[in-house]
N, C-alpha and C. Protein backbone atom coordinates (compact mmCIF):
# COMPACT_ATOMS: atom_id res chain seq x y z
N UNK A 1 0.83 -1.38 0.13
CA UNK A 1 -0.08 0.15 0.09
C UNK A 1 1.17 1.44 -0.01
N UNK A 2 0.61 2.53 -0.71
CA UNK A 2 1.38 3.38 -0.91
C UNK A 2 0.34 4.61 -1.37
N UNK A 3 0.94 5.40 -1.06
CA UNK A 3 -0.06 7.17 -1.46
C UNK A 3 0.61 8.04 -2.11
N UNK A 4 0.11 8.70 -2.42
CA UNK A 4 0.77 10.27 -3.24
C UNK A 4 0.63 11.38 -2.36
N UNK A 5 1.43 12.20 -1.64
CA UNK A 5 0.99 13.49 -0.85
C UNK A 5 1.56 14.55 -1.19
N UNK A 6 1.12 15.64 -1.21
CA UNK A 6 1.66 17.01 -1.59
C UNK A 6 1.92 17.58 -0.33
N UNK A 7 3.37 18.30 -0.33
CA UNK A 7 3.66 18.99 1.13
C UNK A 7 4.65 19.65 0.52
N UNK A 8 4.94 21.36 0.95
CA UNK A 8 6.07 21.99 0.31
C UNK A 8 6.16 22.46 -1.11
N UNK A 9 4.86 22.15 -1.84
CA UNK A 9 5.02 22.31 -3.06
C UNK A 9 5.47 21.18 -3.80
N UNK A 10 5.67 20.22 -3.34
CA UNK A 10 5.94 18.87 -4.03
C UNK A 10 5.67 17.91 -3.85
N UNK A 11 5.41 16.66 -5.17
CA UNK A 11 4.73 15.49 -4.33
C UNK A 11 5.57 14.40 -4.21
N UNK A 12 5.32 13.20 -3.24
CA UNK A 12 5.76 12.18 -2.81
C UNK A 12 5.26 11.02 -2.67
N UNK A 13 5.78 10.05 -3.15
CA UNK A 13 5.33 8.82 -3.20
C UNK A 13 5.82 7.96 -1.74
N UNK A 14 4.76 7.74 -0.75
CA UNK A 14 5.40 7.13 0.12
C UNK A 14 4.67 5.71 0.39
N UNK A 15 5.32 5.41 1.21
CA UNK A 15 4.68 3.65 2.01
C UNK A 15 4.82 4.03 3.46
N UNK A 16 4.46 2.72 4.26
CA UNK A 16 4.24 3.00 5.74
C UNK A 16 5.93 2.18 6.20
N UNK A 17 6.73 2.85 6.76
CA UNK A 17 7.70 2.80 7.21
C UNK A 17 8.70 3.15 6.43
N UNK A 18 8.20 4.19 5.66
CA UNK A 18 9.70 4.75 4.53
C UNK A 18 9.55 6.03 5.41
N UNK A 19 10.99 6.66 4.83
CA UNK A 19 11.57 7.55 5.45
C UNK A 19 11.68 8.99 4.14
N UNK A 20 11.37 10.22 4.53
CA UNK A 20 11.50 10.74 3.29
C UNK A 20 11.85 12.59 3.88
N UNK A 21 12.63 13.41 2.93
CA UNK A 21 13.02 14.46 3.50
C UNK A 21 11.86 15.90 2.92
N UNK A 22 11.19 16.38 3.55
CA UNK A 22 10.41 17.49 2.72
C UNK A 22 11.05 18.73 3.30
N UNK A 23 10.34 19.96 2.66
CA UNK A 23 10.64 21.10 3.17
C UNK A 23 10.46 21.45 4.63
N UNK A 24 10.73 22.11 5.00
CA UNK A 24 10.96 22.34 6.96
C UNK A 24 9.73 22.87 7.22
N UNK A 25 9.13 21.96 7.92
CA UNK A 25 7.81 22.00 8.82
C UNK A 25 8.16 22.47 10.00
N UNK A 26 7.04 23.17 10.67
CA UNK A 26 7.39 23.77 12.14
C UNK A 26 6.45 22.51 13.14
N UNK A 27 7.32 21.82 13.43
CA UNK A 27 7.01 20.56 14.34
C UNK A 27 8.26 20.29 15.57
N UNK A 28 8.22 19.60 16.48
CA UNK A 28 9.10 19.28 17.58
C UNK A 28 9.80 17.92 16.86
N UNK A 29 11.16 17.62 17.30
CA UNK A 29 11.24 15.98 16.59
C UNK A 29 10.81 15.19 18.04
N UNK A 30 10.17 14.34 17.18
CA UNK A 30 9.79 13.39 17.99
C UNK A 30 7.74 13.17 17.72
N UNK A 31 7.53 14.65 17.18
CA UNK A 31 6.09 14.86 17.56
C UNK A 31 5.68 13.92 16.23
N UNK A 32 4.17 14.04 16.34
CA UNK A 32 3.31 13.10 15.36
C UNK A 32 2.48 14.32 14.64
N UNK A 33 2.91 13.89 12.98
CA UNK A 33 1.81 14.95 12.26
C UNK A 33 1.12 14.05 11.22
N UNK A 34 -0.01 14.73 10.93
CA UNK A 34 -0.84 14.44 9.88
C UNK A 34 -0.77 15.19 8.58
N UNK A 35 -0.38 14.25 7.38
CA UNK A 35 -0.66 15.22 6.44
C UNK A 35 -1.85 14.85 5.60
N UNK A 36 -2.57 15.72 5.13
CA UNK A 36 -3.92 15.96 4.66
C UNK A 36 -4.14 16.09 2.97
N UNK A 37 -3.01 16.49 2.80
CA UNK A 37 -3.32 16.27 1.04
C UNK A 37 -2.62 15.23 0.52
N UNK A 38 -3.65 14.26 0.31
CA UNK A 38 -3.65 13.16 -0.37
C UNK A 38 -3.91 13.01 -1.65
N UNK A 39 -2.90 13.03 -2.80
CA UNK A 39 -3.82 12.97 -4.04
C UNK A 39 -4.23 11.67 -4.67
N UNK A 40 -3.48 10.67 -3.96
CA UNK A 40 -3.54 9.09 -4.35
C UNK A 40 -3.33 8.20 -3.33
N UNK A 41 -4.29 6.98 -3.32
CA UNK A 41 -4.15 5.90 -2.50
C UNK A 41 -3.97 4.97 -3.21
N UNK A 42 -2.94 3.73 -3.60
CA UNK A 42 -3.15 2.48 -3.88
C UNK A 42 -3.00 1.20 -3.14
N UNK A 43 -3.92 0.16 -3.22
CA UNK A 43 -3.66 -1.06 -2.42
C UNK A 43 -3.87 -1.94 -3.60
N UNK A 44 -2.75 -2.50 -4.17
CA UNK A 44 -2.84 -3.50 -4.58
C UNK A 44 -3.52 -2.92 -6.23
N UNK A 45 -4.99 -3.65 -6.44
CA UNK A 45 -5.58 -3.12 -7.66
C UNK A 45 -6.52 -2.12 -7.52
N UNK A 46 -6.90 -1.80 -5.88
CA UNK A 46 -7.93 -0.83 -5.50
C UNK A 46 -7.08 0.81 -5.45
N UNK A 47 -7.47 1.42 -6.82
CA UNK A 47 -6.64 2.73 -6.66
C UNK A 47 -7.77 3.83 -6.50
N UNK A 48 -6.93 4.75 -6.02
CA UNK A 48 -8.30 6.03 -5.31
C UNK A 48 -7.49 7.01 -5.96
N UNK A 49 -8.23 7.85 -6.55
CA UNK A 49 -7.63 9.03 -7.18
C UNK A 49 -8.38 10.22 -6.56
N UNK A 50 -8.03 11.43 -5.86
CA UNK A 50 -8.43 12.38 -5.72
C UNK A 50 -8.68 13.38 -6.91
N UNK A 51 -9.57 14.51 -6.54
CA UNK A 51 -9.65 15.33 -7.53
C UNK A 51 -9.99 16.66 -6.84
N UNK A 52 -8.72 17.70 -6.38
CA UNK A 52 -7.30 17.00 -6.54
C UNK A 52 -6.93 16.50 -5.11
N UNK A 53 -7.71 16.51 -4.01
CA UNK A 53 -7.37 15.42 -2.78
C UNK A 53 -8.26 14.56 -2.99
N UNK A 54 -7.88 13.68 -1.87
CA UNK A 54 -9.03 12.39 -1.38
C UNK A 54 -9.96 13.11 -0.14
N UNK A 55 -10.89 13.05 -0.15
CA UNK A 55 -11.35 13.39 1.71
C UNK A 55 -11.50 12.49 2.47
N UNK A 56 -11.01 12.70 3.54
CA UNK A 56 -10.94 11.99 4.65
C UNK A 56 -9.79 11.17 4.56
N UNK A 57 -8.56 11.13 4.17
CA UNK A 57 -7.50 10.30 3.79
C UNK A 57 -6.33 11.09 4.30
N UNK A 58 -5.85 10.32 5.49
CA UNK A 58 -4.71 11.26 6.01
C UNK A 58 -3.34 10.40 6.13
N UNK A 59 -2.10 10.91 5.79
CA UNK A 59 -0.81 10.01 6.37
C UNK A 59 -0.22 10.46 7.56
N UNK A 60 -0.11 9.85 8.51
CA UNK A 60 0.44 10.03 9.81
C UNK A 60 2.12 9.72 9.57
N UNK A 61 2.71 10.66 10.36
CA UNK A 61 4.37 10.36 10.10
C UNK A 61 4.82 11.23 11.29
N UNK A 62 5.97 10.74 12.16
CA UNK A 62 6.84 11.27 13.24
C UNK A 62 7.67 11.94 12.39
N UNK A 63 8.39 13.15 13.29
CA UNK A 63 9.30 13.65 12.85
C UNK A 63 10.47 13.46 13.60
N UNK A 64 11.88 12.69 12.77
CA UNK A 64 12.66 12.58 12.67
C UNK A 64 13.70 13.09 13.20
N UNK A 65 13.93 14.38 12.30
CA UNK A 65 15.45 15.47 12.81
C UNK A 65 14.79 16.61 11.83
N UNK A 66 15.66 17.50 12.18
CA UNK A 66 15.59 18.84 10.97
C UNK A 66 16.83 19.30 10.80
N UNK A 67 17.46 19.73 9.66
CA UNK A 67 18.45 19.74 8.95
C UNK A 67 18.98 20.76 8.03
N UNK A 68 19.62 20.86 7.68
CA UNK A 68 19.90 21.54 6.39
C UNK A 68 20.78 21.00 5.19
N UNK A 69 20.49 20.83 3.99
CA UNK A 69 21.15 19.97 2.89
C UNK A 69 22.20 20.41 2.66
N UNK A 70 22.88 19.97 1.30
CA UNK A 70 24.17 20.26 0.83
C UNK A 70 24.49 22.23 0.13
N UNK A 71 25.36 22.32 0.46
CA UNK A 71 25.18 23.55 -0.27
C UNK A 71 25.40 23.63 -1.47
N UNK A 72 24.78 24.42 -2.01
CA UNK A 72 24.42 24.45 -3.90
C UNK A 72 25.17 25.77 -4.18
N UNK A 73 25.95 25.97 -4.76
CA UNK A 73 26.85 27.12 -5.13
C UNK A 73 26.42 27.62 -6.58
N UNK A 74 26.10 28.90 -6.40
CA UNK A 74 25.68 29.53 -7.72
C UNK A 74 26.70 30.73 -8.12
N UNK A 75 27.01 30.62 -9.20
CA UNK A 75 28.14 31.33 -9.87
C UNK A 75 27.56 32.62 -11.01
N UNK A 76 27.64 33.69 -10.84
CA UNK A 76 27.32 34.51 -12.10
C UNK A 76 28.20 35.03 -12.49
N UNK A 77 28.46 34.95 -13.96
CA UNK A 77 30.00 35.37 -14.60
C UNK A 77 29.75 35.93 -15.93
N UNK A 78 30.16 37.28 -16.33
CA UNK A 78 29.92 38.00 -17.47
C UNK A 78 31.36 38.28 -17.81
N UNK A 79 31.81 37.64 -19.49
CA UNK A 79 32.96 37.82 -19.61
C UNK A 79 33.29 38.86 -20.22
N UNK A 80 34.87 39.20 -20.14
CA UNK A 80 35.42 40.62 -20.05
C UNK A 80 34.54 41.89 -19.62
N UNK A 81 33.83 41.82 -18.74
CA UNK A 81 33.14 42.76 -18.16
C UNK A 81 33.67 43.08 -16.47
N UNK A 82 34.76 42.01 -16.45
CA UNK A 82 35.30 41.95 -14.85
C UNK A 82 34.31 42.12 -14.06
N UNK A 83 33.15 41.06 -14.11
CA UNK A 83 31.85 40.76 -13.33
C UNK A 83 31.99 39.41 -12.87
N UNK A 84 32.35 39.12 -11.51
CA UNK A 84 31.97 37.78 -10.99
C UNK A 84 30.92 37.82 -9.98
N UNK A 85 29.88 36.87 -9.42
CA UNK A 85 29.32 37.13 -7.98
C UNK A 85 28.87 35.60 -7.57
N UNK A 86 28.91 35.29 -6.66
CA UNK A 86 29.45 33.82 -6.11
C UNK A 86 28.25 34.06 -5.03
N UNK A 87 27.52 33.17 -4.75
CA UNK A 87 26.59 32.75 -3.67
C UNK A 87 26.25 31.38 -3.63
N UNK A 88 25.94 31.01 -2.08
CA UNK A 88 25.60 29.62 -1.95
C UNK A 88 24.48 29.78 -1.32
N UNK A 89 23.65 28.54 -0.93
CA UNK A 89 22.68 28.18 -0.36
C UNK A 89 22.33 26.90 -0.15
N UNK A 90 21.74 26.54 1.14
CA UNK A 90 21.57 25.21 2.20
C UNK A 90 20.15 25.69 2.77
N UNK A 91 19.72 24.69 1.74
CA UNK A 91 17.63 24.22 2.14
C UNK A 91 17.35 23.34 3.03
N UNK A 92 16.69 24.27 4.11
CA UNK A 92 16.29 23.56 5.26
C UNK A 92 15.18 22.38 5.02
N UNK A 93 15.55 20.98 5.66
CA UNK A 93 14.42 20.52 5.72
C UNK A 93 14.09 19.54 7.07
N UNK A 94 12.77 18.80 6.73
CA UNK A 94 12.76 17.89 7.63
C UNK A 94 12.36 16.52 7.56
N UNK A 95 13.15 15.56 8.27
CA UNK A 95 12.85 14.25 7.79
C UNK A 95 12.03 13.54 8.49
N UNK A 96 10.68 12.67 7.74
CA UNK A 96 9.82 12.24 8.23
C UNK A 96 9.86 10.60 8.05
N UNK A 97 9.13 10.20 9.38
CA UNK A 97 9.05 8.53 9.18
C UNK A 97 7.20 8.20 8.99
N UNK A 98 7.11 7.65 8.12
CA UNK A 98 5.51 7.43 7.98
C UNK A 98 5.31 6.29 8.48
N UNK A 99 4.15 6.37 9.23
CA UNK A 99 3.57 5.88 10.21
C UNK A 99 2.38 5.01 10.10
N UNK A 100 1.44 5.58 9.25
CA UNK A 100 0.19 5.27 8.69
C UNK A 100 -0.41 5.86 7.55
N UNK A 101 -0.92 5.02 7.02
CA UNK A 101 -1.46 5.73 5.93
C UNK A 101 -3.20 5.34 5.97
N UNK A 102 -3.95 6.25 6.08
CA UNK A 102 -5.67 5.98 6.19
C UNK A 102 -6.49 6.30 4.91
N UNK A 103 -7.36 5.79 4.48
CA UNK A 103 -7.77 6.26 3.19
C UNK A 103 -8.90 5.32 2.87
């Protein structure tokens, strides 16, 4: 059984027991959260698709940790103009462990 959820502007395929890194959520470590933007639930041949979300379906997960990803380096360069700009960015994330799919 798996589900497709939406959080942080992205879509993820999750199953019970799986871990995933999503955009930073406001929750304490060890807390249980419910993700209610469920797009699809599949259980073998039984598939439910929402329009756009399934009513009454939730995915519960526990917050394992918060962190920041690897640094992405941005370099802007214009040749023959004596111009170069460097910038870096580290995206914050929340690591979740899926504990249940209800739908």
